[in-house]
Amino acid sequence: MLANCAPLLSRHWIPALLGLIDKLGPQNVYVSILENGSVDETRELLMGLRANLTGRRVDYTIRFEDDFRDGVTFEKDGLLKRLLGREGTGDNWINTDKGWFPRRISYLAELRNLVLEPLQNSSRLFDKVLFINDVIFSVPPHPSTRGVVVDCCSLRMQFD
């Protein structure tokens, strides 16, 4: 899930993602990206990434907010309500002295589910899922380890 992160995408994220794909092999990767209402150049950069992924023969889905909100906007027309239900219903909303507010984790979980939909609908099976949001990550060469190592913030993952 990405929003308003054009500088990060162009300088770090897209090159690191392509490096990770090269290390894992395009046949072992499915890229699913959800752009969430950016007002900077994030959308254009992701459209450029589409061509790069196609050229590398990587299966992917890149969805923009326009594609999943069916004409409603986040606040004005109620995208939150579409994803979380009517205000005050269920556990997705919290009532404060200033009115009803969405629980952020519930909203993010719904966005995560939108990202996972293409994998659920795919005939391919994957044994690992790696979520990489708007963070700086790298795929450094580690001669002392087998497989691929991904460093991200304080997280290190190794794929054998």
N, C-alpha and C. Protein backbone atom coordinates (compact mmCIF):
# COMPACT_ATOMS: atom_id res chain seq x y z
N MET A 1 0.85 -1.17 0.00
CA MET A 1 0.00 0.00 0.00
C MET A 1 0.89 1.23 0.00
N LEU A 2 0.71 2.05 -0.99
CA LEU A 2 1.57 3.21 -1.13
C LEU A 2 0.74 4.46 -1.33
N ALA A 3 1.17 5.57 -0.74
CA ALA A 3 0.50 6.85 -0.93
C ALA A 3 1.51 7.98 -0.73
N ASN A 4 1.55 8.89 -1.67
CA ASN A 4 2.36 10.11 -1.57
C ASN A 4 3.81 9.82 -1.19
N CYS A 5 4.45 8.97 -1.94
CA CYS A 5 5.84 8.63 -1.62
C CYS A 5 6.72 8.63 -2.86
N ALA A 6 6.50 9.55 -3.78
CA ALA A 6 7.24 9.60 -5.04
C ALA A 6 8.76 9.65 -4.84
N PRO A 7 9.29 10.53 -3.98
CA PRO A 7 10.75 10.56 -3.82
C PRO A 7 11.31 9.22 -3.34
N LEU A 8 10.62 8.59 -2.39
CA LEU A 8 11.06 7.29 -1.90
C LEU A 8 11.01 6.25 -3.01
N LEU A 9 9.94 6.24 -3.79
CA LEU A 9 9.81 5.27 -4.87
C LEU A 9 10.92 5.41 -5.90
N SER A 10 11.15 6.63 -6.34
CA SER A 10 12.10 6.82 -7.43
C SER A 10 13.55 6.59 -7.00
N ARG A 11 13.89 6.97 -5.79
CA ARG A 11 15.28 6.86 -5.34
C ARG A 11 15.63 5.51 -4.72
N HIS A 12 14.68 4.90 -4.06
CA HIS A 12 15.02 3.71 -3.28
C HIS A 12 14.13 2.50 -3.58
N TRP A 13 12.83 2.68 -3.46
CA TRP A 13 11.89 1.55 -3.41
C TRP A 13 11.84 0.78 -4.71
N ILE A 14 11.62 1.47 -5.83
CA ILE A 14 11.52 0.76 -7.12
C ILE A 14 12.84 0.08 -7.47
N PRO A 15 14.00 0.75 -7.37
CA PRO A 15 15.25 0.04 -7.65
C PRO A 15 15.47 -1.17 -6.73
N ALA A 16 15.12 -1.04 -5.45
CA ALA A 16 15.29 -2.17 -4.52
C ALA A 16 14.32 -3.30 -4.86
N LEU A 17 13.08 -2.97 -5.23
CA LEU A 17 12.12 -4.00 -5.63
C LEU A 17 12.61 -4.76 -6.86
N LEU A 18 13.11 -4.04 -7.85
CA LEU A 18 13.62 -4.70 -9.05
C LEU A 18 14.84 -5.55 -8.73
N GLY A 19 15.68 -5.10 -7.81
CA GLY A 19 16.82 -5.91 -7.37
C GLY A 19 16.37 -7.18 -6.67
N LEU A 20 15.33 -7.07 -5.86
CA LEU A 20 14.79 -8.24 -5.17
C LEU A 20 14.20 -9.23 -6.18
N ILE A 21 13.50 -8.72 -7.17
CA ILE A 21 12.94 -9.59 -8.21
C ILE A 21 14.06 -10.30 -8.96
N ASP A 22 15.11 -9.57 -9.29
CA ASP A 22 16.25 -10.18 -9.99
C ASP A 22 16.87 -11.29 -9.15
N LYS A 23 16.98 -11.09 -7.84
CA LYS A 23 17.58 -12.11 -6.96
C LYS A 23 16.68 -13.33 -6.82
N LEU A 24 15.38 -13.10 -6.64
CA LEU A 24 14.46 -14.22 -6.44
C LEU A 24 14.09 -14.92 -7.74
N GLY A 25 14.18 -14.19 -8.84
CA GLY A 25 13.77 -14.71 -10.13
C GLY A 25 12.32 -14.34 -10.40
N PRO A 26 12.04 -13.77 -11.57
CA PRO A 26 10.69 -13.29 -11.86
C PRO A 26 9.62 -14.38 -11.80
N GLN A 27 9.99 -15.61 -12.05
CA GLN A 27 9.03 -16.72 -12.00
C GLN A 27 8.60 -17.03 -10.57
N ASN A 28 9.33 -16.53 -9.58
CA ASN A 28 9.03 -16.79 -8.17
C ASN A 28 8.34 -15.63 -7.47
N VAL A 29 7.94 -14.62 -8.23
CA VAL A 29 7.45 -13.38 -7.64
C VAL A 29 6.09 -13.01 -8.22
N TYR A 30 5.24 -12.50 -7.37
CA TYR A 30 4.01 -11.83 -7.79
C TYR A 30 3.98 -10.51 -7.04
N VAL A 31 3.91 -9.41 -7.76
CA VAL A 31 3.90 -8.09 -7.15
C VAL A 31 2.47 -7.58 -7.13
N SER A 32 1.98 -7.22 -5.96
CA SER A 32 0.65 -6.65 -5.81
C SER A 32 0.78 -5.32 -5.07
N ILE A 33 0.39 -4.25 -5.74
CA ILE A 33 0.53 -2.90 -5.19
C ILE A 33 -0.82 -2.22 -5.20
N LEU A 34 -1.11 -1.53 -4.11
CA LEU A 34 -2.32 -0.72 -4.00
C LEU A 34 -1.91 0.72 -3.74
N GLU A 35 -2.19 1.61 -4.67
CA GLU A 35 -1.93 3.03 -4.47
C GLU A 35 -3.15 3.63 -3.82
N ASN A 36 -2.91 4.42 -2.78
CA ASN A 36 -4.01 4.86 -1.94
C ASN A 36 -4.16 6.39 -1.96
N GLY A 37 -4.63 6.94 -3.08
CA GLY A 37 -5.01 8.35 -3.14
C GLY A 37 -3.88 9.36 -3.14
N SER A 38 -2.81 9.09 -3.84
CA SER A 38 -1.67 10.01 -3.86
C SER A 38 -1.99 11.29 -4.62
N VAL A 39 -1.35 12.38 -4.18
CA VAL A 39 -1.48 13.65 -4.89
C VAL A 39 -0.13 14.10 -5.44
N ASP A 40 0.91 13.29 -5.28
CA ASP A 40 2.22 13.60 -5.86
C ASP A 40 2.40 12.73 -7.12
N GLU A 41 3.61 12.41 -7.48
CA GLU A 41 3.89 11.64 -8.70
C GLU A 41 3.90 10.12 -8.46
N THR A 42 3.43 9.67 -7.33
CA THR A 42 3.42 8.24 -7.02
C THR A 42 2.72 7.45 -8.12
N ARG A 43 1.57 7.90 -8.54
CA ARG A 43 0.79 7.19 -9.56
C ARG A 43 1.60 7.03 -10.85
N GLU A 44 2.21 8.11 -11.31
CA GLU A 44 2.98 8.06 -12.55
C GLU A 44 4.16 7.10 -12.44
N LEU A 45 4.83 7.12 -11.29
CA LEU A 45 5.96 6.20 -11.09
C LEU A 45 5.49 4.75 -11.11
N LEU A 46 4.35 4.47 -10.51
CA LEU A 46 3.84 3.10 -10.52
C LEU A 46 3.39 2.68 -11.92
N MET A 47 2.91 3.62 -12.70
CA MET A 47 2.56 3.30 -14.09
C MET A 47 3.82 2.95 -14.87
N GLY A 48 4.91 3.65 -14.59
CA GLY A 48 6.19 3.31 -15.21
C GLY A 48 6.70 1.96 -14.75
N LEU A 49 6.46 1.63 -13.49
CA LEU A 49 6.87 0.33 -12.96
C LEU A 49 6.15 -0.80 -13.69
N ARG A 50 4.91 -0.58 -14.08
CA ARG A 50 4.16 -1.60 -14.84
C ARG A 50 4.95 -2.07 -16.06
N ALA A 51 5.45 -1.11 -16.83
CA ALA A 51 6.20 -1.45 -18.04
C ALA A 51 7.47 -2.23 -17.69
N ASN A 52 8.12 -1.84 -16.62
CA ASN A 52 9.34 -2.54 -16.19
C ASN A 52 9.03 -3.97 -15.77
N LEU A 53 7.95 -4.17 -15.03
CA LEU A 53 7.57 -5.52 -14.60
C LEU A 53 7.17 -6.38 -15.80
N THR A 54 6.44 -5.79 -16.73
CA THR A 54 6.06 -6.52 -17.94
C THR A 54 7.30 -6.95 -18.71
N GLY A 55 8.26 -6.05 -18.84
CA GLY A 55 9.51 -6.36 -19.53
C GLY A 55 10.30 -7.47 -18.86
N ARG A 56 10.19 -7.58 -17.56
CA ARG A 56 10.89 -8.64 -16.81
C ARG A 56 10.06 -9.91 -16.71
N ARG A 57 8.86 -9.89 -17.27
CA ARG A 57 7.94 -11.03 -17.24
C ARG A 57 7.54 -11.41 -15.81
N VAL A 58 7.27 -10.38 -15.03
CA VAL A 58 6.82 -10.56 -13.65
C VAL A 58 5.30 -10.44 -13.63
N ASP A 59 4.64 -11.39 -12.99
CA ASP A 59 3.20 -11.27 -12.80
C ASP A 59 2.95 -10.20 -11.75
N TYR A 60 1.97 -9.36 -12.01
CA TYR A 60 1.73 -8.25 -11.08
C TYR A 60 0.29 -7.75 -11.18
N THR A 61 -0.11 -7.05 -10.14
CA THR A 61 -1.33 -6.26 -10.13
C THR A 61 -0.99 -4.94 -9.46
N ILE A 62 -1.24 -3.86 -10.15
CA ILE A 62 -1.08 -2.54 -9.55
C ILE A 62 -2.45 -1.88 -9.64
N ARG A 63 -3.04 -1.64 -8.48
CA ARG A 63 -4.37 -1.04 -8.42
C ARG A 63 -4.25 0.36 -7.85
N PHE A 64 -4.99 1.26 -8.47
CA PHE A 64 -5.04 2.63 -7.99
C PHE A 64 -6.36 2.83 -7.28
N GLU A 65 -6.38 3.78 -6.35
CA GLU A 65 -7.58 4.00 -5.56
C GLU A 65 -8.82 4.13 -6.44
N ASP A 66 -8.68 4.78 -7.58
CA ASP A 66 -9.82 4.93 -8.50
C ASP A 66 -10.41 3.58 -8.89
N ASP A 67 -9.57 2.54 -8.96
CA ASP A 67 -10.02 1.22 -9.42
C ASP A 67 -10.87 0.49 -8.39
N PHE A 68 -10.72 0.80 -7.11
CA PHE A 68 -11.44 0.03 -6.10
C PHE A 68 -12.45 0.85 -5.30
N ARG A 69 -12.52 2.12 -5.54
CA ARG A 69 -13.45 2.92 -4.74
C ARG A 69 -14.78 3.17 -5.43
N ASP A 70 -14.93 2.71 -6.67
CA ASP A 70 -16.21 2.81 -7.37
C ASP A 70 -16.79 4.21 -7.37
N GLY A 71 -15.95 5.20 -7.60
CA GLY A 71 -16.44 6.56 -7.72
C GLY A 71 -16.63 7.32 -6.43
N VAL A 72 -16.42 6.68 -5.29
CA VAL A 72 -16.55 7.41 -4.04
C VAL A 72 -15.19 7.90 -3.59
N THR A 73 -15.16 8.98 -2.85
CA THR A 73 -13.90 9.48 -2.33
C THR A 73 -13.75 9.08 -0.88
N PHE A 74 -12.56 9.20 -0.37
CA PHE A 74 -12.23 8.73 0.97
C PHE A 74 -13.14 9.34 2.03
N GLU A 75 -13.16 10.64 2.13
CA GLU A 75 -13.93 11.30 3.18
C GLU A 75 -15.32 11.71 2.70
N LYS A 76 -15.38 12.48 1.60
CA LYS A 76 -16.63 13.11 1.17
C LYS A 76 -17.74 12.10 0.90
N ASP A 77 -17.45 11.05 0.16
CA ASP A 77 -18.49 10.10 -0.25
C ASP A 77 -18.47 8.80 0.54
N GLY A 78 -17.49 8.62 1.39
CA GLY A 78 -17.55 7.49 2.30
C GLY A 78 -16.81 6.22 1.95
N LEU A 79 -15.60 6.33 1.39
CA LEU A 79 -14.83 5.11 1.16
C LEU A 79 -14.62 4.36 2.47
N LEU A 80 -14.38 5.10 3.54
CA LEU A 80 -14.25 4.46 4.84
C LEU A 80 -15.48 3.64 5.18
N LYS A 81 -16.66 4.23 4.96
CA LYS A 81 -17.90 3.53 5.28
C LYS A 81 -18.09 2.31 4.39
N ARG A 82 -17.64 2.42 3.13
CA ARG A 82 -17.76 1.28 2.23
C ARG A 82 -16.88 0.12 2.71
N LEU A 83 -15.68 0.45 3.18
CA LEU A 83 -14.76 -0.59 3.63
C LEU A 83 -15.07 -1.08 5.04
N LEU A 84 -15.51 -0.18 5.92
CA LEU A 84 -15.66 -0.52 7.34
C LEU A 84 -17.11 -0.65 7.80
N GLY A 85 -18.06 -0.31 6.95
CA GLY A 85 -19.45 -0.34 7.37
C GLY A 85 -19.89 1.02 7.89
N ARG A 86 -21.16 1.12 8.19
CA ARG A 86 -21.73 2.37 8.68
C ARG A 86 -21.13 2.77 10.03
N GLU A 87 -20.98 4.07 10.25
CA GLU A 87 -20.46 4.56 11.53
C GLU A 87 -21.24 3.94 12.68
N GLY A 88 -20.51 3.50 13.68
CA GLY A 88 -21.14 2.97 14.88
C GLY A 88 -21.51 1.50 14.81
N THR A 89 -21.26 0.88 13.67
CA THR A 89 -21.58 -0.55 13.55
C THR A 89 -20.32 -1.38 13.73
N GLY A 90 -20.44 -2.48 14.38
CA GLY A 90 -19.32 -3.39 14.55
C GLY A 90 -18.19 -2.79 15.37
N ASP A 91 -17.03 -3.41 15.25
CA ASP A 91 -15.86 -2.97 16.02
C ASP A 91 -14.95 -2.07 15.22
N ASN A 92 -15.35 -1.67 14.01
CA ASN A 92 -14.48 -0.87 13.16
C ASN A 92 -14.50 0.62 13.47
N TRP A 93 -15.38 1.05 14.35
CA TRP A 93 -15.53 2.46 14.68
C TRP A 93 -15.42 2.66 16.18
N ILE A 94 -14.93 3.84 16.56
CA ILE A 94 -14.85 4.18 17.98
C ILE A 94 -15.57 5.51 18.19
N ASN A 95 -16.39 5.57 19.23
CA ASN A 95 -17.15 6.78 19.53
C ASN A 95 -16.37 7.62 20.55
N THR A 96 -16.06 8.84 20.16
CA THR A 96 -15.34 9.75 21.05
C THR A 96 -16.24 10.96 21.33
N ASP A 97 -15.75 11.88 22.15
CA ASP A 97 -16.54 13.08 22.41
C ASP A 97 -16.64 13.98 21.18
N LYS A 98 -15.87 13.68 20.14
CA LYS A 98 -15.92 14.44 18.88
C LYS A 98 -16.63 13.67 17.78
N GLY A 99 -17.27 12.58 18.13
CA GLY A 99 -18.01 11.80 17.14
C GLY A 99 -17.36 10.46 16.85
N TRP A 100 -17.86 9.79 15.81
CA TRP A 100 -17.36 8.47 15.42
C TRP A 100 -16.09 8.60 14.58
N PHE A 101 -15.11 7.78 14.89
CA PHE A 101 -13.87 7.75 14.13
C PHE A 101 -13.55 6.30 13.76
N PRO A 102 -13.00 6.11 12.57
CA PRO A 102 -12.64 4.74 12.17
C PRO A 102 -11.43 4.25 12.93
N ARG A 103 -11.42 2.99 13.21
CA ARG A 103 -10.21 2.39 13.79
C ARG A 103 -9.22 2.18 12.65
N ARG A 104 -8.08 2.80 12.78
CA ARG A 104 -7.08 2.79 11.70
C ARG A 104 -6.66 1.38 11.32
N ILE A 105 -6.49 0.51 12.30
CA ILE A 105 -6.04 -0.85 12.03
C ILE A 105 -7.08 -1.59 11.19
N SER A 106 -8.36 -1.38 11.47
CA SER A 106 -9.41 -2.02 10.68
C SER A 106 -9.34 -1.57 9.23
N TYR A 107 -9.14 -0.26 9.03
CA TYR A 107 -9.04 0.28 7.68
C TYR A 107 -7.82 -0.29 6.96
N LEU A 108 -6.68 -0.29 7.64
CA LEU A 108 -5.47 -0.83 7.02
C LEU A 108 -5.61 -2.32 6.72
N ALA A 109 -6.31 -3.05 7.57
CA ALA A 109 -6.54 -4.48 7.31
C ALA A 109 -7.38 -4.67 6.05
N GLU A 110 -8.36 -3.82 5.85
CA GLU A 110 -9.17 -3.91 4.62
C GLU A 110 -8.32 -3.61 3.39
N LEU A 111 -7.44 -2.61 3.48
CA LEU A 111 -6.54 -2.32 2.36
C LEU A 111 -5.59 -3.50 2.11
N ARG A 112 -5.09 -4.09 3.20
CA ARG A 112 -4.23 -5.28 3.05
C ARG A 112 -4.97 -6.38 2.31
N ASN A 113 -6.24 -6.58 2.65
CA ASN A 113 -7.04 -7.61 1.98
C ASN A 113 -7.18 -7.32 0.49
N LEU A 114 -7.30 -6.04 0.12
CA LEU A 114 -7.35 -5.68 -1.29
C LEU A 114 -6.04 -6.03 -1.99
N VAL A 115 -4.92 -5.86 -1.29
CA VAL A 115 -3.61 -6.20 -1.85
C VAL A 115 -3.49 -7.71 -2.05
N LEU A 116 -4.06 -8.48 -1.13
CA LEU A 116 -3.95 -9.94 -1.20
C LEU A 116 -4.93 -10.59 -2.19
N GLU A 117 -5.97 -9.89 -2.59
CA GLU A 117 -6.97 -10.46 -3.50
C GLU A 117 -6.37 -11.15 -4.72
N PRO A 118 -5.42 -10.50 -5.43
CA PRO A 118 -4.88 -11.18 -6.62
C PRO A 118 -4.22 -12.52 -6.30
N LEU A 119 -3.60 -12.65 -5.13
CA LEU A 119 -2.99 -13.92 -4.75
C LEU A 119 -4.06 -14.97 -4.45
N GLN A 120 -5.13 -14.54 -3.82
CA GLN A 120 -6.22 -15.47 -3.52
C GLN A 120 -6.89 -15.97 -4.78
N ASN A 121 -6.93 -15.13 -5.81
CA ASN A 121 -7.59 -15.49 -7.06
C ASN A 121 -6.65 -16.13 -8.07
N SER A 122 -5.39 -16.29 -7.72
CA SER A 122 -4.39 -16.84 -8.63
C SER A 122 -4.37 -18.36 -8.56
N SER A 123 -4.04 -18.98 -9.67
CA SER A 123 -3.87 -20.43 -9.66
C SER A 123 -2.47 -20.81 -9.16
N ARG A 124 -1.57 -19.84 -9.11
CA ARG A 124 -0.22 -20.10 -8.60
C ARG A 124 -0.24 -20.11 -7.07
N LEU A 125 0.60 -20.93 -6.49
CA LEU A 125 0.74 -21.00 -5.04
C LEU A 125 2.10 -20.42 -4.65
N PHE A 126 2.09 -19.65 -3.58
CA PHE A 126 3.32 -19.06 -3.06
C PHE A 126 3.47 -19.50 -1.62
N ASP A 127 4.70 -19.80 -1.20
CA ASP A 127 4.92 -20.24 0.17
C ASP A 127 5.42 -19.13 1.07
N LYS A 128 5.68 -17.94 0.50
CA LYS A 128 6.10 -16.79 1.29
C LYS A 128 5.43 -15.54 0.76
N VAL A 129 5.01 -14.67 1.67
CA VAL A 129 4.47 -13.36 1.30
C VAL A 129 5.28 -12.32 2.06
N LEU A 130 5.79 -11.36 1.34
CA LEU A 130 6.59 -10.30 1.94
C LEU A 130 5.86 -8.98 1.71
N PHE A 131 5.47 -8.31 2.78
CA PHE A 131 4.82 -7.01 2.68
C PHE A 131 5.89 -5.93 2.80
N ILE A 132 5.96 -5.07 1.79
CA ILE A 132 6.92 -3.96 1.81
C ILE A 132 6.13 -2.69 1.52
N ASN A 133 5.85 -1.94 2.55
CA ASN A 133 5.12 -0.69 2.36
C ASN A 133 6.09 0.42 1.98
N ASP A 134 5.84 1.62 2.40
CA ASP A 134 6.65 2.77 2.02
C ASP A 134 7.84 2.92 2.97
N VAL A 135 8.76 1.98 2.84
CA VAL A 135 9.98 1.97 3.65
C VAL A 135 11.18 1.79 2.74
N ILE A 136 12.33 2.18 3.23
CA ILE A 136 13.57 1.92 2.50
C ILE A 136 14.03 0.52 2.84
N PHE A 137 14.26 -0.28 1.82
CA PHE A 137 14.78 -1.63 2.04
C PHE A 137 15.85 -1.89 1.00
N SER A 138 16.64 -2.90 1.26
CA SER A 138 17.72 -3.24 0.32
C SER A 138 17.89 -4.74 0.26
N VAL A 139 18.55 -5.17 -0.78
CA VAL A 139 18.86 -6.58 -0.97
C VAL A 139 20.38 -6.65 -1.11
N PRO A 140 21.08 -6.58 0.02
CA PRO A 140 22.54 -6.54 -0.05
C PRO A 140 23.13 -7.92 -0.35
N PRO A 141 24.27 -7.92 -1.00
CA PRO A 141 24.95 -9.21 -1.21
C PRO A 141 25.59 -9.65 0.10
N HIS A 142 25.25 -10.83 0.55
CA HIS A 142 25.82 -11.38 1.78
C HIS A 142 26.50 -12.69 1.42
N PRO A 143 27.83 -12.66 1.21
CA PRO A 143 28.51 -13.88 0.80
C PRO A 143 28.46 -15.00 1.85
N SER A 144 28.20 -14.63 3.11
CA SER A 144 28.20 -15.64 4.17
C SER A 144 26.85 -16.34 4.32
N THR A 145 25.85 -15.89 3.56
CA THR A 145 24.53 -16.50 3.68
C THR A 145 24.10 -17.11 2.36
N ARG A 146 23.22 -18.11 2.46
CA ARG A 146 22.62 -18.69 1.26
C ARG A 146 21.36 -17.91 0.94
N GLY A 147 20.93 -17.98 -0.28
CA GLY A 147 19.65 -17.41 -0.65
C GLY A 147 19.69 -15.90 -0.75
N VAL A 148 18.59 -15.26 -0.39
CA VAL A 148 18.42 -13.82 -0.51
C VAL A 148 18.14 -13.25 0.87
N VAL A 149 18.79 -12.15 1.18
CA VAL A 149 18.57 -11.46 2.45
C VAL A 149 17.98 -10.10 2.12
N VAL A 150 16.91 -9.73 2.83
CA VAL A 150 16.28 -8.42 2.66
C VAL A 150 16.41 -7.68 3.98
N ASP A 151 17.05 -6.51 3.94
CA ASP A 151 17.17 -5.66 5.12
C ASP A 151 16.19 -4.51 5.00
N CYS A 152 15.42 -4.29 6.04
CA CYS A 152 14.42 -3.23 6.03
C CYS A 152 14.29 -2.70 7.46
N CYS A 153 14.64 -1.43 7.65
CA CYS A 153 14.58 -0.83 8.97
C CYS A 153 15.31 -1.75 9.95
N SER A 154 14.61 -2.29 10.94
CA SER A 154 15.29 -3.17 11.90
C SER A 154 14.96 -4.63 11.63
N LEU A 155 14.52 -4.94 10.44
CA LEU A 155 14.09 -6.29 10.09
C LEU A 155 15.06 -6.89 9.08
N ARG A 156 15.39 -8.14 9.27
CA ARG A 156 16.20 -8.87 8.28
C ARG A 156 15.50 -10.18 7.99
N MET A 157 15.26 -10.45 6.71
CA MET A 157 14.63 -11.70 6.30
C MET A 157 15.57 -12.44 5.38
N GLN A 158 15.68 -13.73 5.56
CA GLN A 158 16.51 -14.55 4.70
C GLN A 158 15.64 -15.59 4.01
N PHE A 159 15.78 -15.68 2.69
CA PHE A 159 15.06 -16.68 1.89
C PHE A 159 16.07 -17.67 1.36
N ASP A 160 15.93 -18.92 1.70
CA ASP A 160 16.85 -19.95 1.18
C ASP A 160 16.30 -20.55 -0.08
